[in-house]
Amino acid sequence: MNTMDINGYRAVIQYDPEIEMFRGEFMGLNGGADFYAKDIEGLRREGEISLKVFLDMCREDGVEPRKEFSGRFNLRVSPELHAEISTRAAAEGKSLNQWVTDLLDEVIHAN
């Protein structure tokens, strides 16, 4: 997985070939915080600095650093896929919502 955990905050990591550096971007924040480095050790160091600056700014401004998620999102699929998913969920004795939730949880936590 292209993620890095820094002090309890998760960042997505990508390599940018144009500048020949790794770029990290923290997810789930009430604002943007990114960082760059040529290697993983440097990336972690820069991530810690970037996160500290972001958290200090949040404290100064009285802003909650983590974005709040409602637990709801809309998903659009084809009518055919919707029918297949509904049938599969019913066959497993689950609601459509529970079946999709279980599947997403399984995919996210698979190692």
N, C-alpha and C. Protein backbone atom coordinates (compact mmCIF):
# COMPACT_ATOMS: atom_id res chain seq x y z
N MET A 1 0.83 -1.18 0.00
CA MET A 1 0.00 0.00 0.00
C MET A 1 0.88 1.24 0.00
N ASN A 2 0.48 2.23 -0.71
CA ASN A 2 1.26 3.46 -0.80
C ASN A 2 0.81 4.47 0.24
N THR A 3 0.85 4.05 1.50
CA THR A 3 0.48 4.94 2.59
C THR A 3 1.57 4.89 3.65
N MET A 4 1.62 5.95 4.44
CA MET A 4 2.57 6.04 5.54
C MET A 4 1.82 6.60 6.74
N ASP A 5 2.01 5.98 7.89
CA ASP A 5 1.41 6.48 9.12
C ASP A 5 2.45 7.32 9.84
N ILE A 6 2.09 8.56 10.13
CA ILE A 6 2.98 9.47 10.84
C ILE A 6 2.23 10.02 12.03
N ASN A 7 2.65 9.61 13.21
CA ASN A 7 2.04 10.09 14.46
C ASN A 7 0.51 9.95 14.47
N GLY A 8 0.02 8.83 13.95
CA GLY A 8 -1.42 8.57 13.97
C GLY A 8 -2.21 9.19 12.82
N TYR A 9 -1.52 9.84 11.90
CA TYR A 9 -2.16 10.43 10.73
C TYR A 9 -1.65 9.68 9.50
N ARG A 10 -2.56 9.38 8.56
CA ARG A 10 -2.21 8.61 7.38
C ARG A 10 -1.98 9.52 6.18
N ALA A 11 -0.91 9.23 5.46
CA ALA A 11 -0.58 9.99 4.25
C ALA A 11 -0.48 9.03 3.07
N VAL A 12 -0.94 9.48 1.91
CA VAL A 12 -0.80 8.74 0.67
C VAL A 12 0.53 9.16 0.05
N ILE A 13 1.30 8.18 -0.39
CA ILE A 13 2.63 8.43 -0.95
C ILE A 13 2.64 8.09 -2.43
N GLN A 14 3.19 9.01 -3.24
CA GLN A 14 3.34 8.78 -4.67
C GLN A 14 4.71 9.27 -5.10
N TYR A 15 5.21 8.70 -6.19
CA TYR A 15 6.48 9.16 -6.74
C TYR A 15 6.18 10.09 -7.91
N ASP A 16 6.81 11.25 -7.91
CA ASP A 16 6.64 12.22 -9.00
C ASP A 16 7.88 12.20 -9.87
N PRO A 17 7.81 11.56 -11.04
CA PRO A 17 8.99 11.44 -11.89
C PRO A 17 9.48 12.78 -12.45
N GLU A 18 8.60 13.77 -12.56
CA GLU A 18 9.02 15.07 -13.09
C GLU A 18 10.02 15.76 -12.18
N ILE A 19 9.85 15.62 -10.89
CA ILE A 19 10.79 16.26 -9.96
C ILE A 19 11.69 15.23 -9.27
N GLU A 20 11.50 13.95 -9.61
CA GLU A 20 12.28 12.84 -9.07
C GLU A 20 12.26 12.83 -7.54
N MET A 21 11.06 12.97 -6.99
CA MET A 21 10.89 12.96 -5.55
C MET A 21 9.61 12.22 -5.19
N PHE A 22 9.59 11.74 -3.95
CA PHE A 22 8.36 11.18 -3.40
C PHE A 22 7.54 12.33 -2.83
N ARG A 23 6.23 12.20 -2.96
CA ARG A 23 5.32 13.20 -2.41
C ARG A 23 4.34 12.51 -1.49
N GLY A 24 4.18 13.06 -0.31
CA GLY A 24 3.20 12.56 0.64
C GLY A 24 2.12 13.60 0.84
N GLU A 25 0.90 13.14 1.01
CA GLU A 25 -0.22 14.03 1.28
C GLU A 25 -1.08 13.40 2.36
N PHE A 26 -1.25 14.14 3.46
CA PHE A 26 -2.09 13.64 4.54
C PHE A 26 -3.55 13.64 4.11
N MET A 27 -4.26 12.59 4.48
CA MET A 27 -5.67 12.44 4.14
C MET A 27 -6.51 12.64 5.39
N GLY A 28 -7.75 13.05 5.18
CA GLY A 28 -8.70 13.17 6.28
C GLY A 28 -8.47 14.37 7.17
N LEU A 29 -7.83 15.41 6.61
CA LEU A 29 -7.58 16.62 7.39
C LEU A 29 -8.51 17.74 6.95
N ASN A 30 -8.70 18.70 7.82
CA ASN A 30 -9.48 19.90 7.48
C ASN A 30 -8.58 20.95 6.84
N GLY A 31 -7.84 20.54 5.86
CA GLY A 31 -6.91 21.41 5.15
C GLY A 31 -5.86 20.56 4.48
N GLY A 32 -4.96 21.20 3.80
CA GLY A 32 -3.94 20.47 3.05
C GLY A 32 -2.61 20.45 3.79
N ALA A 33 -1.95 19.32 3.75
CA ALA A 33 -0.62 19.18 4.31
C ALA A 33 0.12 18.14 3.47
N ASP A 34 1.09 18.61 2.70
CA ASP A 34 1.87 17.67 1.89
C ASP A 34 3.35 17.88 2.16
N PHE A 35 4.17 16.96 1.64
CA PHE A 35 5.60 16.98 1.90
C PHE A 35 6.32 16.18 0.82
N TYR A 36 7.61 16.51 0.61
CA TYR A 36 8.41 15.92 -0.46
C TYR A 36 9.78 15.50 0.06
N ALA A 37 10.33 14.45 -0.54
CA ALA A 37 11.70 14.03 -0.22
C ALA A 37 12.19 13.06 -1.29
N LYS A 38 13.49 12.87 -1.34
CA LYS A 38 14.10 11.97 -2.33
C LYS A 38 14.09 10.51 -1.88
N ASP A 39 14.00 10.29 -0.56
CA ASP A 39 14.01 8.92 -0.05
C ASP A 39 12.98 8.78 1.07
N ILE A 40 12.75 7.55 1.49
CA ILE A 40 11.71 7.26 2.47
C ILE A 40 12.05 7.86 3.84
N GLU A 41 13.30 7.78 4.26
CA GLU A 41 13.68 8.37 5.55
C GLU A 41 13.42 9.87 5.55
N GLY A 42 13.81 10.53 4.46
CA GLY A 42 13.58 11.97 4.34
C GLY A 42 12.09 12.29 4.27
N LEU A 43 11.36 11.41 3.62
CA LEU A 43 9.91 11.62 3.49
C LEU A 43 9.24 11.58 4.87
N ARG A 44 9.64 10.62 5.70
CA ARG A 44 9.08 10.53 7.04
C ARG A 44 9.44 11.78 7.84
N ARG A 45 10.69 12.21 7.75
CA ARG A 45 11.14 13.40 8.47
C ARG A 45 10.36 14.64 8.02
N GLU A 46 10.23 14.82 6.70
CA GLU A 46 9.48 15.96 6.16
C GLU A 46 8.00 15.87 6.51
N GLY A 47 7.47 14.65 6.55
CA GLY A 47 6.08 14.45 6.93
C GLY A 47 5.83 14.88 8.36
N GLU A 48 6.74 14.54 9.25
CA GLU A 48 6.61 14.94 10.65
C GLU A 48 6.63 16.45 10.79
N ILE A 49 7.51 17.11 10.04
CA ILE A 49 7.59 18.58 10.07
C ILE A 49 6.30 19.19 9.53
N SER A 50 5.84 18.70 8.38
CA SER A 50 4.63 19.22 7.75
C SER A 50 3.42 19.05 8.67
N LEU A 51 3.32 17.87 9.30
CA LEU A 51 2.20 17.60 10.20
C LEU A 51 2.26 18.52 11.41
N LYS A 52 3.43 18.72 11.98
CA LYS A 52 3.58 19.61 13.14
C LYS A 52 3.13 21.02 12.80
N VAL A 53 3.57 21.53 11.63
CA VAL A 53 3.17 22.88 11.21
C VAL A 53 1.65 22.94 11.07
N PHE A 54 1.07 21.94 10.43
CA PHE A 54 -0.39 21.92 10.23
C PHE A 54 -1.12 21.89 11.57
N LEU A 55 -0.69 21.02 12.48
CA LEU A 55 -1.36 20.91 13.78
C LEU A 55 -1.19 22.18 14.61
N ASP A 56 -0.02 22.80 14.54
CA ASP A 56 0.20 24.08 15.24
C ASP A 56 -0.75 25.15 14.71
N MET A 57 -0.91 25.21 13.39
CA MET A 57 -1.83 26.19 12.78
C MET A 57 -3.27 25.93 13.22
N CYS A 58 -3.65 24.66 13.28
CA CYS A 58 -5.01 24.31 13.71
C CYS A 58 -5.24 24.77 15.15
N ARG A 59 -4.25 24.52 16.03
CA ARG A 59 -4.36 24.95 17.43
C ARG A 59 -4.51 26.46 17.52
N GLU A 60 -3.68 27.18 16.78
CA GLU A 60 -3.72 28.65 16.79
C GLU A 60 -5.08 29.18 16.33
N ASP A 61 -5.64 28.53 15.30
CA ASP A 61 -6.90 28.99 14.71
C ASP A 61 -8.13 28.37 15.37
N GLY A 62 -7.92 27.44 16.31
CA GLY A 62 -9.05 26.78 16.97
C GLY A 62 -9.82 25.85 16.04
N VAL A 63 -9.11 25.21 15.12
CA VAL A 63 -9.73 24.32 14.13
C VAL A 63 -9.42 22.87 14.49
N GLU A 64 -10.42 22.02 14.39
CA GLU A 64 -10.23 20.57 14.57
C GLU A 64 -9.40 20.08 13.38
N PRO A 65 -8.25 19.44 13.61
CA PRO A 65 -7.40 19.03 12.48
C PRO A 65 -7.99 17.92 11.60
N ARG A 66 -8.72 17.00 12.22
CA ARG A 66 -9.27 15.88 11.44
C ARG A 66 -10.64 16.23 10.87
N LYS A 67 -10.82 15.88 9.63
CA LYS A 67 -12.11 16.05 8.98
C LYS A 67 -13.09 15.05 9.59
N GLU A 68 -14.32 15.46 9.76
CA GLU A 68 -15.34 14.57 10.29
C GLU A 68 -16.07 13.92 9.12
N PHE A 69 -16.21 12.61 9.18
CA PHE A 69 -16.92 11.87 8.13
C PHE A 69 -18.27 11.42 8.66
N SER A 70 -19.29 11.52 7.83
CA SER A 70 -20.66 11.19 8.24
C SER A 70 -20.91 9.68 8.28
N GLY A 71 -20.12 8.92 7.54
CA GLY A 71 -20.38 7.49 7.43
C GLY A 71 -21.32 7.16 6.28
N ARG A 72 -21.64 8.18 5.49
CA ARG A 72 -22.52 7.98 4.33
C ARG A 72 -21.84 8.49 3.07
N PHE A 73 -22.05 7.76 1.99
CA PHE A 73 -21.64 8.25 0.67
C PHE A 73 -22.51 7.59 -0.38
N ASN A 74 -22.73 8.29 -1.46
CA ASN A 74 -23.56 7.76 -2.55
C ASN A 74 -22.67 7.03 -3.54
N LEU A 75 -23.17 5.95 -4.04
CA LEU A 75 -22.43 5.15 -5.00
C LEU A 75 -23.34 4.88 -6.19
N ARG A 76 -22.86 5.20 -7.37
CA ARG A 76 -23.65 4.96 -8.58
C ARG A 76 -23.07 3.75 -9.32
N VAL A 77 -23.95 2.82 -9.62
CA VAL A 77 -23.57 1.63 -10.38
C VAL A 77 -24.64 1.41 -11.45
N SER A 78 -24.33 0.55 -12.38
CA SER A 78 -25.31 0.25 -13.42
C SER A 78 -26.50 -0.49 -12.80
N PRO A 79 -27.66 -0.39 -13.43
CA PRO A 79 -28.83 -1.14 -12.92
C PRO A 79 -28.57 -2.65 -12.85
N GLU A 80 -27.81 -3.15 -13.81
CA GLU A 80 -27.51 -4.59 -13.83
C GLU A 80 -26.66 -4.99 -12.62
N LEU A 81 -25.64 -4.18 -12.32
CA LEU A 81 -24.79 -4.47 -11.17
C LEU A 81 -25.59 -4.32 -9.88
N HIS A 82 -26.43 -3.33 -9.81
CA HIS A 82 -27.29 -3.12 -8.63
C HIS A 82 -28.12 -4.38 -8.38
N ALA A 83 -28.71 -4.91 -9.44
CA ALA A 83 -29.54 -6.12 -9.30
C ALA A 83 -28.70 -7.31 -8.83
N GLU A 84 -27.50 -7.46 -9.39
CA GLU A 84 -26.63 -8.58 -9.00
C GLU A 84 -26.19 -8.46 -7.54
N ILE A 85 -25.86 -7.25 -7.12
CA ILE A 85 -25.43 -7.02 -5.74
C ILE A 85 -26.59 -7.30 -4.78
N SER A 86 -27.77 -6.83 -5.12
CA SER A 86 -28.94 -7.06 -4.28
C SER A 86 -29.22 -8.55 -4.12
N THR A 87 -29.12 -9.29 -5.22
CA THR A 87 -29.34 -10.74 -5.19
C THR A 87 -28.30 -11.42 -4.32
N ARG A 88 -27.04 -11.03 -4.48
CA ARG A 88 -25.94 -11.63 -3.70
C ARG A 88 -26.14 -11.35 -2.21
N ALA A 89 -26.50 -10.12 -1.87
CA ALA A 89 -26.73 -9.76 -0.47
C ALA A 89 -27.86 -10.59 0.12
N ALA A 90 -28.96 -10.70 -0.61
CA ALA A 90 -30.12 -11.48 -0.14
C ALA A 90 -29.74 -12.95 0.04
N ALA A 91 -28.93 -13.47 -0.88
CA ALA A 91 -28.51 -14.87 -0.80
C ALA A 91 -27.67 -15.12 0.45
N GLU A 92 -26.99 -14.08 0.93
CA GLU A 92 -26.18 -14.21 2.14
C GLU A 92 -26.94 -13.76 3.39
N GLY A 93 -28.24 -13.45 3.20
CA GLY A 93 -29.07 -13.06 4.34
C GLY A 93 -28.71 -11.69 4.90
N LYS A 94 -28.23 -10.80 4.05
CA LYS A 94 -27.81 -9.47 4.49
C LYS A 94 -28.56 -8.40 3.71
N SER A 95 -28.63 -7.24 4.33
CA SER A 95 -29.14 -6.08 3.59
C SER A 95 -28.09 -5.67 2.58
N LEU A 96 -28.50 -4.92 1.59
CA LEU A 96 -27.56 -4.41 0.59
C LEU A 96 -26.47 -3.60 1.28
N ASN A 97 -26.86 -2.73 2.20
CA ASN A 97 -25.89 -1.89 2.91
C ASN A 97 -24.89 -2.74 3.69
N GLN A 98 -25.39 -3.74 4.43
CA GLN A 98 -24.49 -4.57 5.24
C GLN A 98 -23.55 -5.38 4.36
N TRP A 99 -24.04 -5.89 3.25
CA TRP A 99 -23.20 -6.69 2.36
C TRP A 99 -22.06 -5.85 1.79
N VAL A 100 -22.39 -4.63 1.32
CA VAL A 100 -21.36 -3.75 0.76
C VAL A 100 -20.39 -3.31 1.86
N THR A 101 -20.90 -2.98 3.04
CA THR A 101 -20.04 -2.59 4.16
C THR A 101 -19.06 -3.71 4.52
N ASP A 102 -19.57 -4.92 4.62
CA ASP A 102 -18.70 -6.07 4.94
C ASP A 102 -17.64 -6.26 3.88
N LEU A 103 -18.03 -6.15 2.62
CA LEU A 103 -17.09 -6.32 1.51
C LEU A 103 -16.00 -5.25 1.53
N LEU A 104 -16.40 -4.00 1.74
CA LEU A 104 -15.42 -2.91 1.80
C LEU A 104 -14.47 -3.09 2.98
N ASP A 105 -15.02 -3.47 4.13
CA ASP A 105 -14.19 -3.70 5.30
C ASP A 105 -13.18 -4.81 5.05
N GLU A 106 -13.62 -5.87 4.41
CA GLU A 106 -12.73 -6.99 4.08
C GLU A 106 -11.60 -6.54 3.14
N VAL A 107 -11.93 -5.77 2.14
CA VAL A 107 -10.92 -5.30 1.19
C VAL A 107 -9.92 -4.36 1.86
N ILE A 108 -10.41 -3.44 2.67
CA ILE A 108 -9.54 -2.46 3.33
C ILE A 108 -8.60 -3.13 4.33
N HIS A 109 -9.07 -4.15 5.03
CA HIS A 109 -8.26 -4.77 6.07
C HIS A 109 -7.53 -6.03 5.62
N ALA A 110 -7.59 -6.37 4.35
CA ALA A 110 -6.86 -7.53 3.83
C ALA A 110 -5.37 -7.22 3.78
N ASN A 111 -4.57 -8.10 4.24
CA ASN A 111 -3.11 -7.90 4.19
C ASN A 111 -2.46 -8.99 3.42
